[in-house]
PDB file of all heavy atoms in Angstrom:
ATOM      1  N   GLY A   1       0.826  -1.192   0.000  1.00  0.00           N
ATOM      2  CA  GLY A   1       0.000   0.000   0.000  1.00  0.00           C
ATOM      3  C   GLY A   1       0.863   1.245   0.000  1.00  0.00           C
ATOM      4  O   GLY A   1       1.993   1.228   0.489  1.00  0.00           O
ATOM      5  N   ASP A   2       0.339   2.330  -0.543  1.00  0.00           N
ATOM      6  CA  ASP A   2       1.060   3.602  -0.613  1.00  0.00           C
ATOM      7  C   ASP A   2       0.311   4.637   0.223  1.00  0.00           C
ATOM      8  O   ASP A   2      -0.751   5.116  -0.171  1.00  0.00           O
ATOM      9  CB  ASP A   2       1.150   4.067  -2.066  1.00  0.00           C
ATOM     10  CG  ASP A   2       1.975   5.344  -2.209  1.00  0.00           C
ATOM     11  OD1 ASP A   2       2.368   5.919  -1.180  1.00  0.00           O
ATOM     12  OD2 ASP A   2       2.219   5.761  -3.355  1.00  0.00           O
ATOM     13  N   PRO A   3       0.840   5.000   1.407  1.00  0.00           N
ATOM     14  CA  PRO A   3       0.165   5.982   2.247  1.00  0.00           C
ATOM     15  C   PRO A   3      -0.007   7.341   1.571  1.00  0.00           C
ATOM     16  O   PRO A   3      -1.008   8.026   1.810  1.00  0.00           O
ATOM     17  CB  PRO A   3       1.087   6.103   3.465  1.00  0.00           C
ATOM     18  CG  PRO A   3       1.887   4.841   3.476  1.00  0.00           C
ATOM     19  CD  PRO A   3       2.065   4.478   2.035  1.00  0.00           C
ATOM     20  N   ALA A   4       0.951   7.736   0.723  1.00  0.00           N
ATOM     21  CA  ALA A   4       0.892   9.056   0.095  1.00  0.00           C
ATOM     22  C   ALA A   4      -0.305   9.194  -0.832  1.00  0.00           C
ATOM     23  O   ALA A   4      -0.930  10.255  -0.914  1.00  0.00           O
ATOM     24  CB  ALA A   4       2.190   9.335  -0.663  1.00  0.00           C
ATOM     25  N   THR A   5      -0.644   8.111  -1.548  1.00  0.00           N
ATOM     26  CA  THR A   5      -1.754   8.163  -2.505  1.00  0.00           C
ATOM     27  C   THR A   5      -2.964   7.361  -2.051  1.00  0.00           C
ATOM     28  O   THR A   5      -3.970   7.342  -2.752  1.00  0.00           O
ATOM     29  CB  THR A   5      -1.283   7.637  -3.877  1.00  0.00           C
ATOM     30  OG1 THR A   5      -0.896   6.259  -3.741  1.00  0.00           O
ATOM     31  CG2 THR A   5      -0.109   8.454  -4.406  1.00  0.00           C
ATOM     32  N   ASN A   6      -2.851   6.710  -0.892  1.00  0.00           N
ATOM     33  CA  ASN A   6      -3.932   5.855  -0.375  1.00  0.00           C
ATOM     34  C   ASN A   6      -4.331   4.803  -1.408  1.00  0.00           C
ATOM     35  O   ASN A   6      -5.500   4.550  -1.651  1.00  0.00           O
ATOM     36  CB  ASN A   6      -5.158   6.697   0.019  1.00  0.00           C
ATOM     37  CG  ASN A   6      -6.177   5.892   0.824  1.00  0.00           C
ATOM     38  OD1 ASN A   6      -5.833   4.956   1.535  1.00  0.00           O
ATOM     39  ND2 ASN A   6      -7.447   6.252   0.675  1.00  0.00           N
ATOM     40  N   THR A   7      -3.301   4.191  -2.013  1.00  0.00           N
ATOM     41  CA  THR A   7      -3.511   3.182  -3.049  1.00  0.00           C
ATOM     42  C   THR A   7      -3.036   1.819  -2.553  1.00  0.00           C
ATOM     43  O   THR A   7      -2.013   1.723  -1.868  1.00  0.00           O
ATOM     44  CB  THR A   7      -2.741   3.553  -4.333  1.00  0.00           C
ATOM     45  OG1 THR A   7      -3.186   4.816  -4.789  1.00  0.00           O
ATOM     46  CG2 THR A   7      -2.970   2.526  -5.418  1.00  0.00           C
ATOM     47  N   VAL A   8      -3.772   0.784  -2.901  1.00  0.00           N
ATOM     48  CA  VAL A   8      -3.385  -0.591  -2.584  1.00  0.00           C
ATOM     49  C   VAL A   8      -3.099  -1.319  -3.891  1.00  0.00           C
ATOM     50  O   VAL A   8      -3.890  -1.234  -4.834  1.00  0.00           O
ATOM     51  CB  VAL A   8      -4.496  -1.317  -1.807  1.00  0.00           C
ATOM     52  CG1 VAL A   8      -4.146  -2.797  -1.624  1.00  0.00           C
ATOM     53  CG2 VAL A   8      -4.711  -0.658  -0.458  1.00  0.00           C
ATOM     54  N   VAL A   9      -1.953  -1.995  -3.948  1.00  0.00           N
ATOM     55  CA  VAL A   9      -1.556  -2.748  -5.145  1.00  0.00           C
ATOM     56  C   VAL A   9      -1.804  -4.226  -4.902  1.00  0.00           C
ATOM     57  O   VAL A   9      -1.438  -4.765  -3.849  1.00  0.00           O
ATOM     58  CB  VAL A   9      -0.071  -2.516  -5.485  1.00  0.00           C
ATOM     59  CG1 VAL A   9       0.312  -3.302  -6.743  1.00  0.00           C
ATOM     60  CG2 VAL A   9       0.212  -1.035  -5.677  1.00  0.00           C
ATOM     61  N   VAL A  10      -2.437  -4.896  -5.875  1.00  0.00           N
ATOM     62  CA  VAL A  10      -2.678  -6.326  -5.777  1.00  0.00           C
ATOM     63  C   VAL A  10      -2.040  -7.032  -6.972  1.00  0.00           C
ATOM     64  O   VAL A  10      -1.737  -6.412  -7.997  1.00  0.00           O
ATOM     65  CB  VAL A  10      -4.188  -6.646  -5.732  1.00  0.00           C
ATOM     66  CG1 VAL A  10      -4.834  -6.008  -4.519  1.00  0.00           C
ATOM     67  CG2 VAL A  10      -4.882  -6.199  -7.008  1.00  0.00           C
ATOM     68  N   GLY A  11      -1.814  -8.325  -6.825  1.00  0.00           N
ATOM     69  CA  GLY A  11      -1.208  -9.089  -7.909  1.00  0.00           C
ATOM     70  C   GLY A  11      -1.209 -10.567  -7.587  1.00  0.00           C
ATOM     71  O   GLY A  11      -1.721 -10.993  -6.543  1.00  0.00           O
ATOM     72  N   PRO A  12      -0.610 -11.386  -8.442  1.00  0.00           N
ATOM     73  CA  PRO A  12      -0.532 -12.833  -8.204  1.00  0.00           C
ATOM     74  C   PRO A  12       0.447 -13.151  -7.083  1.00  0.00           C
ATOM     75  O   PRO A  12       1.279 -12.312  -6.701  1.00  0.00           O
ATOM     76  CB  PRO A  12      -0.035 -13.381  -9.543  1.00  0.00           C
ATOM     77  CG  PRO A  12       0.740 -12.245 -10.128  1.00  0.00           C
ATOM     78  CD  PRO A  12       0.035 -10.994  -9.713  1.00  0.00           C
ATOM     79  N   ARG A  13       0.361 -14.363  -6.561  1.00  0.00           N
ATOM     80  CA  ARG A  13       1.212 -14.751  -5.439  1.00  0.00           C
ATOM     81  C   ARG A  13       2.692 -14.595  -5.760  1.00  0.00           C
ATOM     82  O   ARG A  13       3.476 -14.166  -4.899  1.00  0.00           O
ATOM     83  CB  ARG A  13       0.916 -16.196  -5.035  1.00  0.00           C
ATOM     84  CG  ARG A  13       1.711 -16.657  -3.815  1.00  0.00           C
ATOM     85  CD  ARG A  13       1.289 -18.038  -3.374  1.00  0.00           C
ATOM     86  NE  ARG A  13       1.990 -18.452  -2.163  1.00  0.00           N
ATOM     87  CZ  ARG A  13       3.163 -19.066  -2.136  1.00  0.00           C
ATOM     88  NH1 ARG A  13       3.780 -19.366  -3.279  1.00  0.00           N
ATOM     89  NH2 ARG A  13       3.734 -19.400  -0.993  1.00  0.00           N
ATOM     90  N   GLU A  14       3.095 -14.903  -6.992  1.00  0.00           N
ATOM     91  CA  GLU A  14       4.515 -14.815  -7.313  1.00  0.00           C
ATOM     92  C   GLU A  14       5.063 -13.402  -7.189  1.00  0.00           C
ATOM     93  O   GLU A  14       6.276 -13.204  -7.006  1.00  0.00           O
ATOM     94  CB  GLU A  14       4.788 -15.368  -8.719  1.00  0.00           C
ATOM     95  CG  GLU A  14       3.937 -14.775  -9.822  1.00  0.00           C
ATOM     96  CD  GLU A  14       2.708 -15.588 -10.115  1.00  0.00           C
ATOM     97  OE1 GLU A  14       2.210 -16.301  -9.213  1.00  0.00           O
ATOM     98  OE2 GLU A  14       2.247 -15.539 -11.276  1.00  0.00           O
ATOM     99  N   ALA A  15       4.179 -12.406  -7.267  1.00  0.00           N
ATOM    100  CA  ALA A  15       4.630 -11.011  -7.119  1.00  0.00           C
ATOM    101  C   ALA A  15       5.039 -10.686  -5.686  1.00  0.00           C
ATOM    102  O   ALA A  15       5.669  -9.662  -5.427  1.00  0.00           O
ATOM    103  CB  ALA A  15       3.532 -10.058  -7.578  1.00  0.00           C
ATOM    104  N   LEU A  16       4.679 -11.566  -4.733  1.00  0.00           N
ATOM    105  CA  LEU A  16       5.040 -11.366  -3.330  1.00  0.00           C
ATOM    106  C   LEU A  16       6.432 -11.893  -2.992  1.00  0.00           C
ATOM    107  O   LEU A  16       6.942 -11.634  -1.901  1.00  0.00           O
ATOM    108  CB  LEU A  16       4.028 -12.075  -2.426  1.00  0.00           C
ATOM    109  CG  LEU A  16       2.632 -11.467  -2.333  1.00  0.00           C
ATOM    110  CD1 LEU A  16       1.677 -12.482  -1.716  1.00  0.00           C
ATOM    111  CD2 LEU A  16       2.660 -10.194  -1.511  1.00  0.00           C
ATOM    112  N   ALA A  17       7.043 -12.651  -3.894  1.00  0.00           N
ATOM    113  CA  ALA A  17       8.308 -13.313  -3.587  1.00  0.00           C
ATOM    114  C   ALA A  17       9.409 -12.313  -3.253  1.00  0.00           C
ATOM    115  O   ALA A  17       9.645 -11.356  -3.995  1.00  0.00           O
ATOM    116  CB  ALA A  17       8.737 -14.184  -4.771  1.00  0.00           C
ATOM    117  N   ARG A  18      10.089 -12.531  -2.122  1.00  0.00           N
ATOM    118  CA  ARG A  18      11.196 -11.677  -1.697  1.00  0.00           C
ATOM    119  C   ARG A  18      12.363 -12.555  -1.276  1.00  0.00           C
ATOM    120  O   ARG A  18      12.196 -13.566  -0.614  1.00  0.00           O
ATOM    121  CB  ARG A  18      10.771 -10.790  -0.527  1.00  0.00           C
ATOM    122  CG  ARG A  18       9.586  -9.868  -0.827  1.00  0.00           C
ATOM    123  CD  ARG A  18       9.984  -8.767  -1.807  1.00  0.00           C
ATOM    124  NE  ARG A  18       8.888  -7.845  -2.046  1.00  0.00           N
ATOM    125  CZ  ARG A  18       8.014  -7.946  -3.035  1.00  0.00           C
ATOM    126  NH1 ARG A  18       8.112  -8.969  -3.894  1.00  0.00           N
ATOM    127  NH2 ARG A  18       7.048  -7.065  -3.188  1.00  0.00           N
ATOM    128  N   ARG A  19      13.569 -12.147  -1.671  1.00  0.00           N
ATOM    129  CA  ARG A  19      14.772 -12.904  -1.322  1.00  0.00           C
ATOM    130  C   ARG A  19      15.747 -12.107  -0.456  1.00  0.00           C
ATOM    131  O   ARG A  19      16.654 -12.682   0.145  1.00  0.00           O
ATOM    132  CB  ARG A  19      15.489 -13.377  -2.594  1.00  0.00           C
ATOM    133  CG  ARG A  19      14.830 -14.587  -3.256  1.00  0.00           C
ATOM    134  CD  ARG A  19      15.678 -15.104  -4.398  1.00  0.00           C
ATOM    135  NE  ARG A  19      15.169 -16.336  -4.967  1.00  0.00           N
ATOM    136  CZ  ARG A  19      15.474 -17.553  -4.545  1.00  0.00           C
ATOM    137  NH1 ARG A  19      16.303 -17.703  -3.526  1.00  0.00           N
ATOM    138  NH2 ARG A  19      14.956 -18.618  -5.126  1.00  0.00           N
ATOM    139  N   THR A  20      15.590 -10.783  -0.407  1.00  0.00           N
ATOM    140  CA  THR A  20      16.475  -9.943   0.392  1.00  0.00           C
ATOM    141  C   THR A  20      15.642  -9.138   1.382  1.00  0.00           C
ATOM    142  O   THR A  20      14.664  -8.497   0.992  1.00  0.00           O
ATOM    143  CB  THR A  20      17.291  -8.986  -0.490  1.00  0.00           C
ATOM    144  OG1 THR A  20      18.060  -9.741  -1.423  1.00  0.00           O
ATOM    145  CG2 THR A  20      18.229  -8.133   0.357  1.00  0.00           C
ATOM    146  N   VAL A  21      16.017  -9.179   2.648  1.00  0.00           N
ATOM    147  CA  VAL A  21      15.289  -8.469   3.691  1.00  0.00           C
ATOM    148  C   VAL A  21      16.282  -7.713   4.560  1.00  0.00           C
ATOM    149  O   VAL A  21      17.306  -8.255   4.970  1.00  0.00           O
ATOM    150  CB  VAL A  21      14.468  -9.444   4.560  1.00  0.00           C
ATOM    151  CG1 VAL A  21      13.744  -8.696   5.669  1.00  0.00           C
ATOM    152  CG2 VAL A  21      13.472 -10.223   3.701  1.00  0.00           C
ATOM    153  N   THR A  22      15.966  -6.442   4.839  1.00  0.00           N
ATOM    154  CA  THR A  22      16.813  -5.611   5.689  1.00  0.00           C
ATOM    155  C   THR A  22      16.068  -5.309   6.977  1.00  0.00           C
ATOM    156  O   THR A  22      14.868  -5.027   6.963  1.00  0.00           O
ATOM    157  CB  THR A  22      17.179  -4.295   4.983  1.00  0.00           C
ATOM    158  OG1 THR A  22      17.816  -4.597   3.741  1.00  0.00           O
ATOM    159  CG2 THR A  22      18.124  -3.463   5.838  1.00  0.00           C
ATOM    160  N   ALA A  23      16.780  -5.365   8.096  1.00  0.00           N
ATOM    161  CA  ALA A  23      16.160  -5.116   9.398  1.00  0.00           C
ATOM    162  C   ALA A  23      16.998  -4.131  10.200  1.00  0.00           C
ATOM    163  O   ALA A  23      18.233  -4.181  10.187  1.00  0.00           O
ATOM    164  CB  ALA A  23      16.006  -6.419  10.175  1.00  0.00           C
ATOM    165  N   SER A  24      16.315  -3.245  10.900  1.00  0.00           N
ATOM    166  CA  SER A  24      16.966  -2.311  11.819  1.00  0.00           C
ATOM    167  C   SER A  24      16.954  -2.938  13.202  1.00  0.00           C
ATOM    168  O   SER A  24      15.881  -3.164  13.779  1.00  0.00           O
ATOM    169  CB  SER A  24      16.201  -0.982  11.830  1.00  0.00           C
ATOM    170  OG  SER A  24      16.710  -0.128  12.826  1.00  0.00           O
ATOM    171  N   GLY A  25      18.138  -3.259  13.718  1.00  0.00           N
ATOM    172  CA  GLY A  25      18.196  -3.934  15.011  1.00  0.00           C
ATOM    173  C   GLY A  25      19.621  -4.297  15.355  1.00  0.00           C
ATOM    174  O   GLY A  25      20.538  -3.502  15.128  1.00  0.00           O
ATOM    175  N   ARG A  26      19.844  -5.525  15.861  1.00  0.00           N
ATOM    176  CA  ARG A  26      21.172  -5.917  16.331  1.00  0.00           C
ATOM    177  C   ARG A  26      21.475  -7.366  15.986  1.00  0.00           C
ATOM    178  O   ARG A  26      20.584  -8.216  15.967  1.00  0.00           O
ATOM    179  CB  ARG A  26      21.261  -5.785  17.856  1.00  0.00           C
ATOM    180  CG  ARG A  26      21.221  -4.390  18.400  1.00  0.00           C
ATOM    181  CD  ARG A  26      21.264  -4.426  19.924  1.00  0.00           C
ATOM    182  NE  ARG A  26      22.431  -5.122  20.433  1.00  0.00           N
ATOM    183  CZ  ARG A  26      22.587  -5.488  21.703  1.00  0.00           C
ATOM    184  NH1 ARG A  26      21.612  -5.286  22.573  1.00  0.00           N
ATOM    185  NH2 ARG A  26      23.693  -6.091  22.100  1.00  0.00           N
ATOM    186  N   LEU A  27      22.736  -7.611  15.724  1.00  0.00           N
ATOM    187  CA  LEU A  27      23.259  -8.969  15.730  1.00  0.00           C
ATOM    188  C   LEU A  27      23.883  -9.189  17.098  1.00  0.00           C
ATOM    189  O   LEU A  27      24.697  -8.388  17.550  1.00  0.00           O
ATOM    190  CB  LEU A  27      24.309  -9.157  14.636  1.00  0.00           C
ATOM    191  CG  LEU A  27      23.813  -9.245  13.192  1.00  0.00           C
ATOM    192  CD1 LEU A  27      24.999  -9.394  12.251  1.00  0.00           C
ATOM    193  CD2 LEU A  27      22.851 -10.423  13.016  1.00  0.00           C
ATOM    194  N   PHE A  28      23.497 -10.273  17.765  1.00  0.00           N
ATOM    195  CA  PHE A  28      24.035 -10.566  19.082  1.00  0.00           C
ATOM    196  C   PHE A  28      25.299 -11.421  19.016  1.00  0.00           C
ATOM    197  O   PHE A  28      25.970 -11.620  20.025  1.00  0.00           O
ATOM    198  CB  PHE A  28      22.978 -11.287  19.918  1.00  0.00           C
ATOM    199  CG  PHE A  28      21.672 -10.548  20.014  1.00  0.00           C
ATOM    200  CD1 PHE A  28      20.474 -11.207  19.797  1.00  0.00           C
ATOM    201  CD2 PHE A  28      21.643  -9.195  20.301  1.00  0.00           C
ATOM    202  CE1 PHE A  28      19.273 -10.537  19.894  1.00  0.00           C
ATOM    203  CE2 PHE A  28      20.445  -8.507  20.391  1.00  0.00           C
ATOM    204  CZ  PHE A  28      19.260  -9.178  20.184  1.00  0.00           C
ATOM    205  N   ALA A  29      25.576 -11.949  17.833  1.00  0.00           N
ATOM    206  CA  ALA A  29      26.791 -12.733  17.608  1.00  0.00           C
ATOM    207  C   ALA A  29      27.213 -12.536  16.158  1.00  0.00           C
ATOM    208  O   ALA A  29      26.389 -12.221  15.300  1.00  0.00           O
ATOM    209  CB  ALA A  29      26.538 -14.218  17.893  1.00  0.00           C
ATOM    210  N   SER A  30      28.488 -12.696  15.895  1.00  0.00           N
ATOM    211  CA  SER A  30      29.002 -12.518  14.540  1.00  0.00           C
ATOM    212  C   SER A  30      28.726 -13.781  13.731  1.00  0.00           C
ATOM    213  O   SER A  30      29.338 -14.829  13.956  1.00  0.00           O
ATOM    214  CB  SER A  30      30.508 -12.228  14.582  1.00  0.00           C
ATOM    215  OG  SER A  30      31.015 -12.073  13.276  1.00  0.00           O
ATOM    216  N   VAL A  31      27.779 -13.698  12.796  1.00  0.00           N
ATOM    217  CA  VAL A  31      27.406 -14.847  11.980  1.00  0.00           C
ATOM    218  C   VAL A  31      27.326 -14.425  10.518  1.00  0.00           C
ATOM    219  O   VAL A  31      27.045 -13.268  10.205  1.00  0.00           O
ATOM    220  CB  VAL A  31      26.059 -15.446  12.420  1.00  0.00           C
ATOM    221  CG1 VAL A  31      26.164 -16.040  13.811  1.00  0.00           C
ATOM    222  CG2 VAL A  31      24.953 -14.409  12.365  1.00  0.00           C
ATOM    223  N   THR A  32      27.574 -15.365   9.634  1.00  0.00           N
ATOM    224  CA  THR A  32      27.438 -15.108   8.202  1.00  0.00           C
ATOM    225  C   THR A  32      26.308 -15.914   7.585  1.00  0.00           C
ATOM    226  O   THR A  32      25.900 -15.651   6.462  1.00  0.00           O
ATOM    227  CB  THR A  32      28.743 -15.433   7.461  1.00  0.00           C
ATOM    228  OG1 THR A  32      29.099 -16.800   7.709  1.00  0.00           O
ATOM    229  CG2 THR A  32      29.874 -14.521   7.929  1.00  0.00           C
ATOM    230  N   ARG A  33      25.805 -16.905   8.347  1.00  0.00           N
ATOM    231  CA  ARG A  33      24.637 -17.666   7.918  1.00  0.00           C
ATOM    232  C   ARG A  33      23.761 -17.967   9.126  1.00  0.00           C
ATOM    233  O   ARG A  33      24.238 -18.001  10.266  1.00  0.00           O
ATOM    234  CB  ARG A  33      25.023 -18.989   7.232  1.00  0.00           C
ATOM    235  CG  ARG A  33      25.475 -18.811   5.782  1.00  0.00           C
ATOM    236  CD  ARG A  33      25.487 -20.157   5.048  1.00  0.00           C
ATOM    237  NE  ARG A  33      24.170 -20.765   4.943  1.00  0.00           N
ATOM    238  CZ  ARG A  33      23.274 -20.443   4.002  1.00  0.00           C
ATOM    239  NH1 ARG A  33      23.559 -19.533   3.096  1.00  0.00           N
ATOM    240  NH2 ARG A  33      22.095 -21.052   3.968  1.00  0.00           N
ATOM    241  N   GLY A  34      22.483 -18.186   8.845  1.00  0.00           N
ATOM    242  CA  GLY A  34      21.559 -18.524   9.915  1.00  0.00           C
ATOM    243  C   GLY A  34      20.193 -18.818   9.334  1.00  0.00           C
ATOM    244  O   GLY A  34      20.008 -18.833   8.106  1.00  0.00           O
ATOM    245  N   ASP A  35      19.247 -19.063  10.202  1.00  0.00           N
ATOM    246  CA  ASP A  35      17.855 -19.258   9.803  1.00  0.00           C
ATOM    247  C   ASP A  35      17.061 -18.048  10.278  1.00  0.00           C
ATOM    248  O   ASP A  35      17.110 -17.707  11.468  1.00  0.00           O
ATOM    249  CB  ASP A  35      17.278 -20.530  10.431  1.00  0.00           C
ATOM    250  CG  ASP A  35      17.997 -21.778   9.944  1.00  0.00           C
ATOM    251  OD1 ASP A  35      18.343 -21.831   8.752  1.00  0.00           O
ATOM    252  OD2 ASP A  35      18.210 -22.695  10.769  1.00  0.00           O
TER     253      ASP A  35
END
């Protein structure tokens, strides 16, 4: 959804696929892989 235009975008399930995610927070241990 776009708050500026009050618009909601819809599409097929495959359009939801995401492979990269960024988070604001902390790593509690130095890791390069995890679940």
